[in-house]
Each structure stands twice: as structure tokens, then as C-alpha cells.
Amino acid sequence: MTEGNSGFINPFAATVGRAEAVEYEETRPTYPAGAYDAVLSSSAHGVGSAVDVGAGTGQFTRGLVERGVRAVAVEPSSAMREVLQEGAWTQEARVDLVGGGPLLEVVAGTAEDTGLAADSSDLVVWAQCSHWLDIPLAAAEAARILRPGGALALVANQLAVEVPWVHRLSRIMRSGDVVRRDRTPDLGPLFERPLLTEVGWEQSLTVEQCLRLARTRSSYLAASPARRAKMQDNLRWYLLEHLGFDPIAPFALPYTTLVWTARA
């Protein structure tokens, strides 16, 4: 997620402290292998380095590092950066073990102003943050820091709203399709027309974990205490009483990950 020059009202800037960042880290899903396949095959000359913009607590960054990509995680929220840097995998990735530099660097910045050097990366990723960005400014910044032939990837984990019960769940959680598959992102003249890859998968979680997941959504964070309680009550009723899910056993929550890629 990101905050900064976008002009949009982003509740994360004012409402995310350490407790919220920890809950975000513990409940937000990672990304399917197919999403990484699409992203890492998008650059004209392969991906040895990448910038994960709006990295949050590193949900997408981790997969890049695990695949041997040297990653820079750009995140404006100090609480998010703090939780990201405390992870065991993060600490290992930030150690220079081979003399070629660490696999991970964490910096403060925004999509519109990363503070990174020009022509310094093979890939820029906007994972779960594009709806907060000033797209023309962010695209210009991505083009600036990309090497020739490098690529920009817009990645969105979304509830599979084509499934009826998930569609209603998304409305209760106020977590719908923030990126539309039928609306190709307009990245401006600095990028080729984006290509879309869709990856279906499922997250296994309990009712309690789903309740916690809902508490990481911007709609919840921006709500009043009374509204927050009502949102949680409605979700609890839907999962336990309407759908009849077991209160303890995990259930499968369908997702579709949309990956738009475009070369500079």
C-alpha cells in the first residue's frame, strides 16, 4: 500500500500504527507462483533487480527475494517498514553474504517519488497499491528508474467475486474488485500497452482470521468505532450463521490475482 502525492484520501497514512501493521503482516495473503512467473518474464532482458513500490510489510517482496531477485522495498509508512524489517527472512536478505550486496533494501518513499537512481532496475512492481496512486506521476517515476526494456507490473490480489457467496462477502467486507479486468490500465506514452495474466487460487483461513483480514481493509480503518463494530458483526453473522462455516476449521477463500505487465 502507499500514501503520498496521489491526491486520494488514504486512511493508511493516519490510522496504521504498529498494531495495525502487525495485523496486516499476519493476515494479508501472499501471492501465487503464477503471478511471479508473469512478472519475472515481463522484462526484455530478465529480472536481476526489482523495486516493490508500496511494499507494505513485504507480502510481494518476499517472493522476489526467494527467487534470487535483488529487491528494493519502497514504503512510506514507518510502521509498515518497521514490521517488514523485523521479519527473520528480511534480516537474512539484508545481510551481504556474498560481497555483491544484500538481496533486500528497505527505503522510505512513494510511487511518485521513490528517491532511487535513474536506470537502476529491471522491474517495478505496484502490488496491491495502484488504486492509491497518481498513475501518470507514478508511471513517469517507474519509467525513470527502469533500465531500457524493463517492465512495470501492476498486481492485485482480489476476491473471486464471480463466485456468488464471495461476491456477497466482498460487499460485507467492502473489499471488492479495485482493479477491473475489463479496464486496461492507462500507463501513458512511456509504456507499451499492458498485457493481462489471471491466476486463480485459494487462501485457507479460519473465521477469526477472516475477521482479522477485514480489519486490514481501508474501509474498516477509515470507519468510526461504531461502524467498525457493525462491520465485524455483519461479517461474523455471514460466515457463521448464514454460510454455516465451522468456527474453528479453516475454509477456502477463492481469489483471482490480476497481473498487468508493460515494458518501458
C-alpha atoms as a PDB file:
ATOM      1  CA  MET A   1       0.000   0.000   0.000  1.00  0.00           C
ATOM      2  CA  THR A   2       1.175   3.541  -0.480  1.00  0.00           C
ATOM      3  CA  GLU A   3       0.487   7.082   0.543  1.00  0.00           C
ATOM      4  CA  GLY A   4       1.785  10.439  -0.549  1.00  0.00           C
ATOM      5  CA  ASN A   5       1.243  12.562  -3.655  1.00  0.00           C
ATOM      6  CA  SER A   6      -1.741  10.757  -5.107  1.00  0.00           C
ATOM      7  CA  GLY A   7      -4.439  13.237  -4.116  1.00  0.00           C
ATOM      8  CA  PHE A   8      -6.643  10.391  -2.913  1.00  0.00           C
ATOM      9  CA  ILE A   9      -7.791  10.132   0.688  1.00  0.00           C
ATOM     10  CA  ASN A  10      -5.761   7.231   2.011  1.00  0.00           C
ATOM     11  CA  PRO A  11      -6.657   6.148   5.551  1.00  0.00           C
ATOM     12  CA  PHE A  12      -3.449   4.157   5.954  1.00  0.00           C
ATOM     13  CA  ALA A  13      -1.447   7.356   6.401  1.00  0.00           C
ATOM     14  CA  ALA A  14      -3.270   8.346   9.583  1.00  0.00           C
ATOM     15  CA  THR A  15      -4.531   5.053  11.006  1.00  0.00           C
ATOM     16  CA  VAL A  16      -1.750   2.485  10.672  1.00  0.00           C
ATOM     17  CA  GLY A  17       0.422   2.175  13.744  1.00  0.00           C
ATOM     18  CA  ARG A  18       2.450  -0.782  14.882  1.00  0.00           C
ATOM     19  CA  ALA A  19      -0.574  -2.895  15.916  1.00  0.00           C
ATOM     20  CA  GLU A  20      -2.263  -2.413  12.553  1.00  0.00           C
ATOM     21  CA  ALA A  21       0.970  -3.165  10.680  1.00  0.00           C
ATOM     22  CA  VAL A  22       1.430  -6.397  12.632  1.00  0.00           C
ATOM     23  CA  GLU A  23      -2.129  -7.470  11.860  1.00  0.00           C
ATOM     24  CA  TYR A  24      -1.543  -6.614   8.195  1.00  0.00           C
ATOM     25  CA  GLU A  25       1.574  -8.801   8.156  1.00  0.00           C
ATOM     26  CA  GLU A  26      -0.153 -11.703   9.890  1.00  0.00           C
ATOM     27  CA  THR A  27      -3.372 -11.765   7.866  1.00  0.00           C
ATOM     28  CA  ARG A  28      -2.814 -10.372   4.370  1.00  0.00           C
ATOM     29  CA  PRO A  29      -2.170 -13.172   1.860  1.00  0.00           C
ATOM     30  CA  THR A  30       0.969 -13.572  -0.197  1.00  0.00           C
ATOM     31  CA  TYR A  31       0.832 -14.089  -3.974  1.00  0.00           C
ATOM     32  CA  PRO A  32       0.569 -17.209  -6.145  1.00  0.00           C
ATOM     33  CA  ALA A  33       3.533 -18.587  -8.093  1.00  0.00           C
ATOM     34  CA  GLY A  34       1.830 -17.786 -11.388  1.00  0.00           C
ATOM     35  CA  ALA A  35       1.869 -14.082 -10.553  1.00  0.00           C
ATOM     36  CA  TYR A  36       5.645 -14.164 -10.106  1.00  0.00           C
ATOM     37  CA  ASP A  37       6.032 -16.122 -13.345  1.00  0.00           C
ATOM     38  CA  ALA A  38       4.179 -13.390 -15.225  1.00  0.00           C
ATOM     39  CA  VAL A  39       6.047 -10.553 -13.554  1.00  0.00           C
ATOM     40  CA  LEU A  40       9.525 -12.024 -13.890  1.00  0.00           C
ATOM     41  CA  SER A  41       9.054 -12.859 -17.574  1.00  0.00           C
ATOM     42  CA  SER A  42       7.915  -9.342 -18.464  1.00  0.00           C
ATOM     43  CA  SER A  43      11.299  -7.623 -18.801  1.00  0.00           C
ATOM     44  CA  ALA A  44      13.082  -7.788 -22.141  1.00  0.00           C
ATOM     45  CA  HIS A  45      16.378  -8.875 -20.575  1.00  0.00           C
ATOM     46  CA  GLY A  46      15.377 -10.824 -17.465  1.00  0.00           C
ATOM     47  CA  VAL A  47      14.984  -9.557 -13.927  1.00  0.00           C
ATOM     48  CA  GLY A  48      18.004  -9.362 -11.664  1.00  0.00           C
ATOM     49  CA  SER A  49      16.748  -6.369  -9.691  1.00  0.00           C
ATOM     50  CA  ALA A  50      13.300  -5.085  -8.822  1.00  0.00           C
ATOM     51  CA  VAL A  51      11.597  -2.257  -6.956  1.00  0.00           C
ATOM     52  CA  ASP A  52       8.496  -3.199  -4.978  1.00  0.00           C
ATOM     53  CA  VAL A  53       6.612   0.067  -4.557  1.00  0.00           C
ATOM     54  CA  GLY A  54       4.150   0.335  -1.682  1.00  0.00           C
ATOM     55  CA  ALA A  55       5.697  -2.818  -0.276  1.00  0.00           C
ATOM     56  CA  GLY A  56       3.758  -2.750   2.996  1.00  0.00           C
ATOM     57  CA  THR A  57       5.184  -5.472   5.214  1.00  0.00           C
ATOM     58  CA  GLY A  58       6.691  -7.319   2.253  1.00  0.00           C
ATOM     59  CA  GLN A  59       3.996  -9.708   1.040  1.00  0.00           C
ATOM     60  CA  PHE A  60       5.174  -9.449  -2.580  1.00  0.00           C
ATOM     61  CA  THR A  61       8.791  -8.556  -1.831  1.00  0.00           C
ATOM     62  CA  ARG A  62       9.452 -11.853  -0.120  1.00  0.00           C
ATOM     63  CA  GLY A  63       8.632 -13.878  -3.230  1.00  0.00           C
ATOM     64  CA  LEU A  64      11.042 -11.786  -5.279  1.00  0.00           C
ATOM     65  CA  VAL A  65      13.872 -12.352  -2.801  1.00  0.00           C
ATOM     66  CA  GLU A  66      13.123 -16.076  -2.584  1.00  0.00           C
ATOM     67  CA  ARG A  67      13.590 -16.220  -6.363  1.00  0.00           C
ATOM     68  CA  GLY A  68      17.015 -14.597  -6.146  1.00  0.00           C
ATOM     69  CA  VAL A  69      15.968 -11.108  -7.250  1.00  0.00           C
ATOM     70  CA  ARG A  70      17.677  -8.184  -5.581  1.00  0.00           C
ATOM     71  CA  ALA A  71      14.757  -6.102  -4.351  1.00  0.00           C
ATOM     72  CA  VAL A  72      14.259  -2.586  -3.061  1.00  0.00           C
ATOM     73  CA  ALA A  73      11.113  -2.288  -0.933  1.00  0.00           C
ATOM     74  CA  VAL A  74       9.763   1.269  -1.120  1.00  0.00           C
ATOM     75  CA  GLU A  75       7.208   2.002   1.595  1.00  0.00           C
ATOM     76  CA  PRO A  76       6.077   5.379   3.031  1.00  0.00           C
ATOM     77  CA  SER A  77       4.605   4.050   6.292  1.00  0.00           C
ATOM     78  CA  SER A  78       7.190   3.898   9.073  1.00  0.00           C
ATOM     79  CA  ALA A  79       5.131   1.291  10.953  1.00  0.00           C
ATOM     80  CA  MET A  80       4.993  -0.935   7.875  1.00  0.00           C
ATOM     81  CA  ARG A  81       8.731  -0.576   7.281  1.00  0.00           C
ATOM     82  CA  GLU A  82       9.436  -1.395  10.910  1.00  0.00           C
ATOM     83  CA  VAL A  83       7.439  -4.632  10.811  1.00  0.00           C
ATOM     84  CA  LEU A  84       8.931  -5.533   7.429  1.00  0.00           C
ATOM     85  CA  GLN A  85      12.475  -5.150   8.720  1.00  0.00           C
ATOM     86  CA  GLU A  86      11.807  -7.289  11.798  1.00  0.00           C
ATOM     87  CA  GLY A  87      10.956 -10.435   9.822  1.00  0.00           C
ATOM     88  CA  ALA A  88      13.506 -13.254  10.000  1.00  0.00           C
ATOM     89  CA  TRP A  89      13.567 -13.600   6.210  1.00  0.00           C
ATOM     90  CA  THR A  90      14.047  -9.846   5.870  1.00  0.00           C
ATOM     91  CA  GLN A  91      17.012  -9.750   8.211  1.00  0.00           C
ATOM     92  CA  GLU A  92      18.678 -12.604   6.338  1.00  0.00           C
ATOM     93  CA  ALA A  93      18.060 -10.932   2.966  1.00  0.00           C
ATOM     94  CA  ARG A  94      19.542  -7.645   4.149  1.00  0.00           C
ATOM     95  CA  VAL A  95      22.895  -9.222   5.051  1.00  0.00           C
ATOM     96  CA  ASP A  96      25.669  -9.037   2.454  1.00  0.00           C
ATOM     97  CA  LEU A  97      26.890 -12.645   2.436  1.00  0.00           C
ATOM     98  CA  VAL A  98      28.495 -12.859  -0.987  1.00  0.00           C
ATOM     99  CA  GLY A  99      30.120  -9.478  -1.478  1.00  0.00           C
ATOM    100  CA  GLY A 100      27.623  -8.441  -4.113  1.00  0.00           C
ATOM    101  CA  GLY A 101      25.362  -6.570  -1.754  1.00  0.00           C
ATOM    102  CA  PRO A 102      22.238  -7.670   0.126  1.00  0.00           C
ATOM    103  CA  LEU A 103      19.184  -9.137  -1.578  1.00  0.00           C
ATOM    104  CA  LEU A 104      16.932  -6.578   0.088  1.00  0.00           C
ATOM    105  CA  GLU A 105      16.993  -2.861   0.777  1.00  0.00           C
ATOM    106  CA  VAL A 106      14.120  -1.091   2.556  1.00  0.00           C
ATOM    107  CA  VAL A 107      13.637   2.616   1.908  1.00  0.00           C
ATOM    108  CA  ALA A 108      11.094   5.338   2.646  1.00  0.00           C
ATOM    109  CA  GLY A 109       9.407   6.703  -0.464  1.00  0.00           C
ATOM    110  CA  THR A 110       6.299   6.808  -2.606  1.00  0.00           C
ATOM    111  CA  ALA A 111       5.397   5.570  -6.066  1.00  0.00           C
ATOM    112  CA  GLU A 112       5.505   9.133  -7.331  1.00  0.00           C
ATOM    113  CA  ASP A 113       8.879   9.873  -5.695  1.00  0.00           C
ATOM    114  CA  THR A 114      10.946   6.779  -4.878  1.00  0.00           C
ATOM    115  CA  GLY A 115      14.233   8.629  -4.418  1.00  0.00           C
ATOM    116  CA  LEU A 116      16.007   5.885  -6.384  1.00  0.00           C
ATOM    117  CA  ALA A 117      18.576   6.352  -9.126  1.00  0.00           C
ATOM    118  CA  ALA A 118      17.581   6.501 -12.790  1.00  0.00           C
ATOM    119  CA  ASP A 119      18.085   3.388 -14.950  1.00  0.00           C
ATOM    120  CA  SER A 120      18.673   1.273 -11.854  1.00  0.00           C
ATOM    121  CA  SER A 121      16.133  -1.566 -12.033  1.00  0.00           C
ATOM    122  CA  ASP A 122      14.803  -4.249 -14.378  1.00  0.00           C
ATOM    123  CA  LEU A 123      11.324  -4.265 -12.859  1.00  0.00           C
ATOM    124  CA  VAL A 124       8.967  -2.009 -10.920  1.00  0.00           C
ATOM    125  CA  VAL A 125       6.012  -3.615  -9.139  1.00  0.00           C
ATOM    126  CA  TRP A 126       2.841  -1.993  -7.843  1.00  0.00           C
ATOM    127  CA  ALA A 127       1.336  -4.791  -5.750  1.00  0.00           C
ATOM    128  CA  GLN A 128      -1.990  -4.047  -4.089  1.00  0.00           C
ATOM    129  CA  CYS A 129      -1.466  -0.310  -4.215  1.00  0.00           C
ATOM    130  CA  SER A 130      -2.329   1.061  -7.659  1.00  0.00           C
ATOM    131  CA  HIS A 131      -5.710   2.401  -6.503  1.00  0.00           C
ATOM    132  CA  TRP A 132      -3.908   4.850  -4.197  1.00  0.00           C
ATOM    133  CA  LEU A 133      -1.544   6.229  -6.830  1.00  0.00           C
ATOM    134  CA  ASP A 134      -1.426   9.245  -9.088  1.00  0.00           C
ATOM    135  CA  ILE A 135      -0.939   6.959 -12.084  1.00  0.00           C
ATOM    136  CA  PRO A 136       0.623   9.484 -14.519  1.00  0.00           C
ATOM    137  CA  LEU A 137       3.177  10.620 -11.928  1.00  0.00           C
ATOM    138  CA  ALA A 138       3.852   7.091 -10.682  1.00  0.00           C
ATOM    139  CA  ALA A 139       4.255   5.747 -14.226  1.00  0.00           C
ATOM    140  CA  ALA A 140       6.710   8.530 -15.067  1.00  0.00           C
ATOM    141  CA  GLU A 141       8.718   7.688 -11.948  1.00  0.00           C
ATOM    142  CA  ALA A 142       8.690   3.976 -12.820  1.00  0.00           C
ATOM    143  CA  ALA A 143       9.929   4.740 -16.348  1.00  0.00           C
ATOM    144  CA  ARG A 144      12.704   6.908 -14.903  1.00  0.00           C
ATOM    145  CA  ILE A 145      14.135   4.212 -12.623  1.00  0.00           C
ATOM    146  CA  LEU A 146      13.746   1.366 -15.141  1.00  0.00           C
ATOM    147  CA  ARG A 147      16.537   0.293 -17.453  1.00  0.00           C
ATOM    148  CA  PRO A 148      15.692   0.212 -21.174  1.00  0.00           C
ATOM    149  CA  GLY A 149      13.461  -2.795 -21.840  1.00  0.00           C
ATOM    150  CA  GLY A 150      12.491  -3.040 -18.189  1.00  0.00           C
ATOM    151  CA  ALA A 151       8.894  -3.575 -17.162  1.00  0.00           C
ATOM    152  CA  LEU A 152       6.210  -2.235 -14.852  1.00  0.00           C
ATOM    153  CA  ALA A 153       3.846  -4.742 -13.237  1.00  0.00           C
ATOM    154  CA  LEU A 154       0.527  -3.921 -11.595  1.00  0.00           C
ATOM    155  CA  VAL A 155      -0.514  -6.821  -9.344  1.00  0.00           C
ATOM    156  CA  ALA A 156      -3.815  -7.164  -7.483  1.00  0.00           C
ATOM    157  CA  ASN A 157      -4.984  -9.972  -5.216  1.00  0.00           C
ATOM    158  CA  GLN A 158      -8.776  -9.817  -5.399  1.00  0.00           C
ATOM    159  CA  LEU A 159     -11.597 -11.878  -4.003  1.00  0.00           C
ATOM    160  CA  ALA A 160     -13.112 -14.030  -6.758  1.00  0.00           C
ATOM    161  CA  VAL A 161     -16.332 -12.019  -6.929  1.00  0.00           C
ATOM    162  CA  GLU A 162     -17.670 -14.150  -9.787  1.00  0.00           C
ATOM    163  CA  VAL A 163     -18.435 -16.753  -7.074  1.00  0.00           C
ATOM    164  CA  PRO A 164     -21.819 -15.691  -5.600  1.00  0.00           C
ATOM    165  CA  TRP A 165     -21.042 -16.221  -1.910  1.00  0.00           C
ATOM    166  CA  VAL A 166     -17.662 -14.497  -2.316  1.00  0.00           C
ATOM    167  CA  HIS A 167     -19.337 -11.582  -4.080  1.00  0.00           C
ATOM    168  CA  ARG A 168     -21.584 -11.021  -1.076  1.00  0.00           C
ATOM    169  CA  LEU A 169     -18.628 -11.475   1.266  1.00  0.00           C
ATOM    170  CA  SER A 170     -16.734  -8.776  -0.628  1.00  0.00           C
ATOM    171  CA  ARG A 171     -19.633  -6.390  -0.150  1.00  0.00           C
ATOM    172  CA  ILE A 172     -19.788  -7.072   3.585  1.00  0.00           C
ATOM    173  CA  MET A 173     -16.012  -6.680   3.893  1.00  0.00           C
ATOM    174  CA  ARG A 174     -16.130  -3.725   1.484  1.00  0.00           C
ATOM    175  CA  SER A 175     -13.297  -5.392  -0.362  1.00  0.00           C
ATOM    176  CA  GLY A 176     -14.316  -5.706  -3.977  1.00  0.00           C
ATOM    177  CA  ASP A 177     -12.599  -5.599  -7.344  1.00  0.00           C
ATOM    178  CA  VAL A 178     -10.496  -2.453  -7.046  1.00  0.00           C
ATOM    179  CA  VAL A 179      -8.805  -3.316 -10.342  1.00  0.00           C
ATOM    180  CA  ARG A 180     -11.087  -4.284 -13.204  1.00  0.00           C
ATOM    181  CA  ARG A 181     -10.059  -6.964 -15.693  1.00  0.00           C
ATOM    182  CA  ASP A 182     -12.109  -5.184 -18.351  1.00  0.00           C
ATOM    183  CA  ARG A 183     -10.295  -1.877 -17.837  1.00  0.00           C
ATOM    184  CA  THR A 184      -6.725  -1.926 -19.104  1.00  0.00           C
ATOM    185  CA  PRO A 185      -4.603   0.466 -17.023  1.00  0.00           C
ATOM    186  CA  ASP A 186      -3.554   3.580 -18.893  1.00  0.00           C
ATOM    187  CA  LEU A 187       0.160   3.918 -18.139  1.00  0.00           C
ATOM    188  CA  GLY A 188       0.724   6.695 -20.626  1.00  0.00           C
ATOM    189  CA  PRO A 189       3.106   7.037 -23.558  1.00  0.00           C
ATOM    190  CA  LEU A 190       6.205   5.818 -21.721  1.00  0.00           C
ATOM    191  CA  PHE A 191       4.967   2.186 -21.677  1.00  0.00           C
ATOM    192  CA  GLU A 192       3.674  -0.340 -24.159  1.00  0.00           C
ATOM    193  CA  ARG A 193       0.054  -1.474 -23.854  1.00  0.00           C
ATOM    194  CA  PRO A 194      -0.237  -3.647 -20.708  1.00  0.00           C
ATOM    195  CA  LEU A 195      -0.834  -7.392 -21.004  1.00  0.00           C
ATOM    196  CA  LEU A 196      -3.084  -9.211 -18.538  1.00  0.00           C
ATOM    197  CA  THR A 197      -2.429 -12.530 -16.775  1.00  0.00           C
ATOM    198  CA  GLU A 198      -5.025 -14.004 -14.401  1.00  0.00           C
ATOM    199  CA  VAL A 199      -4.174 -16.546 -11.715  1.00  0.00           C
ATOM    200  CA  GLY A 200      -6.870 -18.290  -9.663  1.00  0.00           C
ATOM    201  CA  TRP A 201      -6.035 -19.655  -6.222  1.00  0.00           C
ATOM    202  CA  GLU A 202      -7.427 -20.067  -2.696  1.00  0.00           C
ATOM    203  CA  GLN A 203      -6.461 -18.765   0.728  1.00  0.00           C
ATOM    204  CA  SER A 204      -7.046 -21.122   3.657  1.00  0.00           C
ATOM    205  CA  LEU A 205      -8.170 -19.258   6.763  1.00  0.00           C
ATOM    206  CA  THR A 206     -10.477 -19.556   9.765  1.00  0.00           C
ATOM    207  CA  VAL A 207     -13.444 -17.352  10.566  1.00  0.00           C
ATOM    208  CA  GLU A 208     -11.359 -15.474  13.121  1.00  0.00           C
ATOM    209  CA  GLN A 209      -8.593 -14.950  10.569  1.00  0.00           C
ATOM    210  CA  CYS A 210     -11.157 -13.649   8.078  1.00  0.00           C
ATOM    211  CA  LEU A 211     -12.404 -11.184  10.683  1.00  0.00           C
ATOM    212  CA  ARG A 212      -8.821 -10.026  11.209  1.00  0.00           C
ATOM    213  CA  LEU A 213      -8.283  -9.787   7.451  1.00  0.00           C
ATOM    214  CA  ALA A 214     -11.293  -7.480   7.188  1.00  0.00           C
ATOM    215  CA  ARG A 215      -9.726  -5.233   9.822  1.00  0.00           C
ATOM    216  CA  THR A 216      -6.782  -4.527   7.492  1.00  0.00           C
ATOM    217  CA  ARG A 217      -9.019  -3.060   4.772  1.00  0.00           C
ATOM    218  CA  SER A 218      -9.011   0.675   4.227  1.00  0.00           C
ATOM    219  CA  SER A 219     -12.799   0.807   4.574  1.00  0.00           C
ATOM    220  CA  TYR A 220     -12.510  -0.567   8.115  1.00  0.00           C
ATOM    221  CA  LEU A 221      -9.578   1.638   9.082  1.00  0.00           C
ATOM    222  CA  ALA A 222     -11.415   4.749   7.906  1.00  0.00           C
ATOM    223  CA  ALA A 223     -14.641   3.896   9.767  1.00  0.00           C
ATOM    224  CA  SER A 224     -15.829   5.125  13.152  1.00  0.00           C
ATOM    225  CA  PRO A 225     -15.619   2.737  16.127  1.00  0.00           C
ATOM    226  CA  ALA A 226     -19.364   2.071  15.912  1.00  0.00           C
ATOM    227  CA  ARG A 227     -19.175   1.390  12.192  1.00  0.00           C
ATOM    228  CA  ARG A 228     -16.195  -0.924  12.705  1.00  0.00           C
ATOM    229  CA  ALA A 229     -18.119  -2.964  15.270  1.00  0.00           C
ATOM    230  CA  LYS A 230     -21.107  -3.205  12.911  1.00  0.00           C
ATOM    231  CA  MET A 231     -18.898  -4.358  10.030  1.00  0.00           C
ATOM    232  CA  GLN A 232     -17.375  -7.100  12.180  1.00  0.00           C
ATOM    233  CA  ASP A 233     -20.786  -8.206  13.472  1.00  0.00           C
ATOM    234  CA  ASN A 234     -22.172  -8.435   9.941  1.00  0.00           C
ATOM    235  CA  LEU A 235     -19.184 -10.449   8.767  1.00  0.00           C
ATOM    236  CA  ARG A 236     -19.369 -12.797  11.754  1.00  0.00           C
ATOM    237  CA  TRP A 237     -23.082 -13.405  11.113  1.00  0.00           C
ATOM    238  CA  TYR A 238     -22.499 -14.072   7.418  1.00  0.00           C
ATOM    239  CA  LEU A 239     -19.697 -16.589   7.971  1.00  0.00           C
ATOM    240  CA  LEU A 240     -21.073 -18.434  10.991  1.00  0.00           C
ATOM    241  CA  GLU A 241     -24.842 -18.237  10.664  1.00  0.00           C
ATOM    242  CA  HIS A 242     -25.627 -17.642   7.006  1.00  0.00           C
ATOM    243  CA  LEU A 243     -22.870 -19.761   5.463  1.00  0.00           C
ATOM    244  CA  GLY A 244     -22.622 -22.097   8.443  1.00  0.00           C
ATOM    245  CA  PHE A 245     -18.838 -22.269   8.494  1.00  0.00           C
ATOM    246  CA  ASP A 246     -17.164 -24.114  11.335  1.00  0.00           C
ATOM    247  CA  PRO A 247     -15.906 -21.547  13.882  1.00  0.00           C
ATOM    248  CA  ILE A 248     -12.543 -23.300  14.157  1.00  0.00           C
ATOM    249  CA  ALA A 249     -11.807 -25.276  10.985  1.00  0.00           C
ATOM    250  CA  PRO A 250     -10.259 -23.385   8.041  1.00  0.00           C
ATOM    251  CA  PHE A 251     -12.259 -22.734   4.889  1.00  0.00           C
ATOM    252  CA  ALA A 252     -11.062 -21.946   1.345  1.00  0.00           C
ATOM    253  CA  LEU A 253     -11.493 -18.372   0.175  1.00  0.00           C
ATOM    254  CA  PRO A 254     -11.202 -18.068  -3.639  1.00  0.00           C
ATOM    255  CA  TYR A 255      -9.073 -15.310  -5.144  1.00  0.00           C
ATOM    256  CA  THR A 256      -8.106 -14.138  -8.599  1.00  0.00           C
ATOM    257  CA  THR A 257      -4.780 -12.358  -8.948  1.00  0.00           C
ATOM    258  CA  LEU A 258      -4.670  -9.914 -11.851  1.00  0.00           C
ATOM    259  CA  VAL A 259      -1.217  -9.121 -13.229  1.00  0.00           C
ATOM    260  CA  TRP A 260      -0.832  -6.331 -15.773  1.00  0.00           C
ATOM    261  CA  THR A 261       2.657  -6.038 -17.278  1.00  0.00           C
ATOM    262  CA  ALA A 262       4.056  -3.427 -19.667  1.00  0.00           C
ATOM    263  CA  ARG A 263       7.550  -2.761 -20.959  1.00  0.00           C
ATOM    264  CA  ALA A 264       9.006   0.713 -20.843  1.00  0.00           C
END
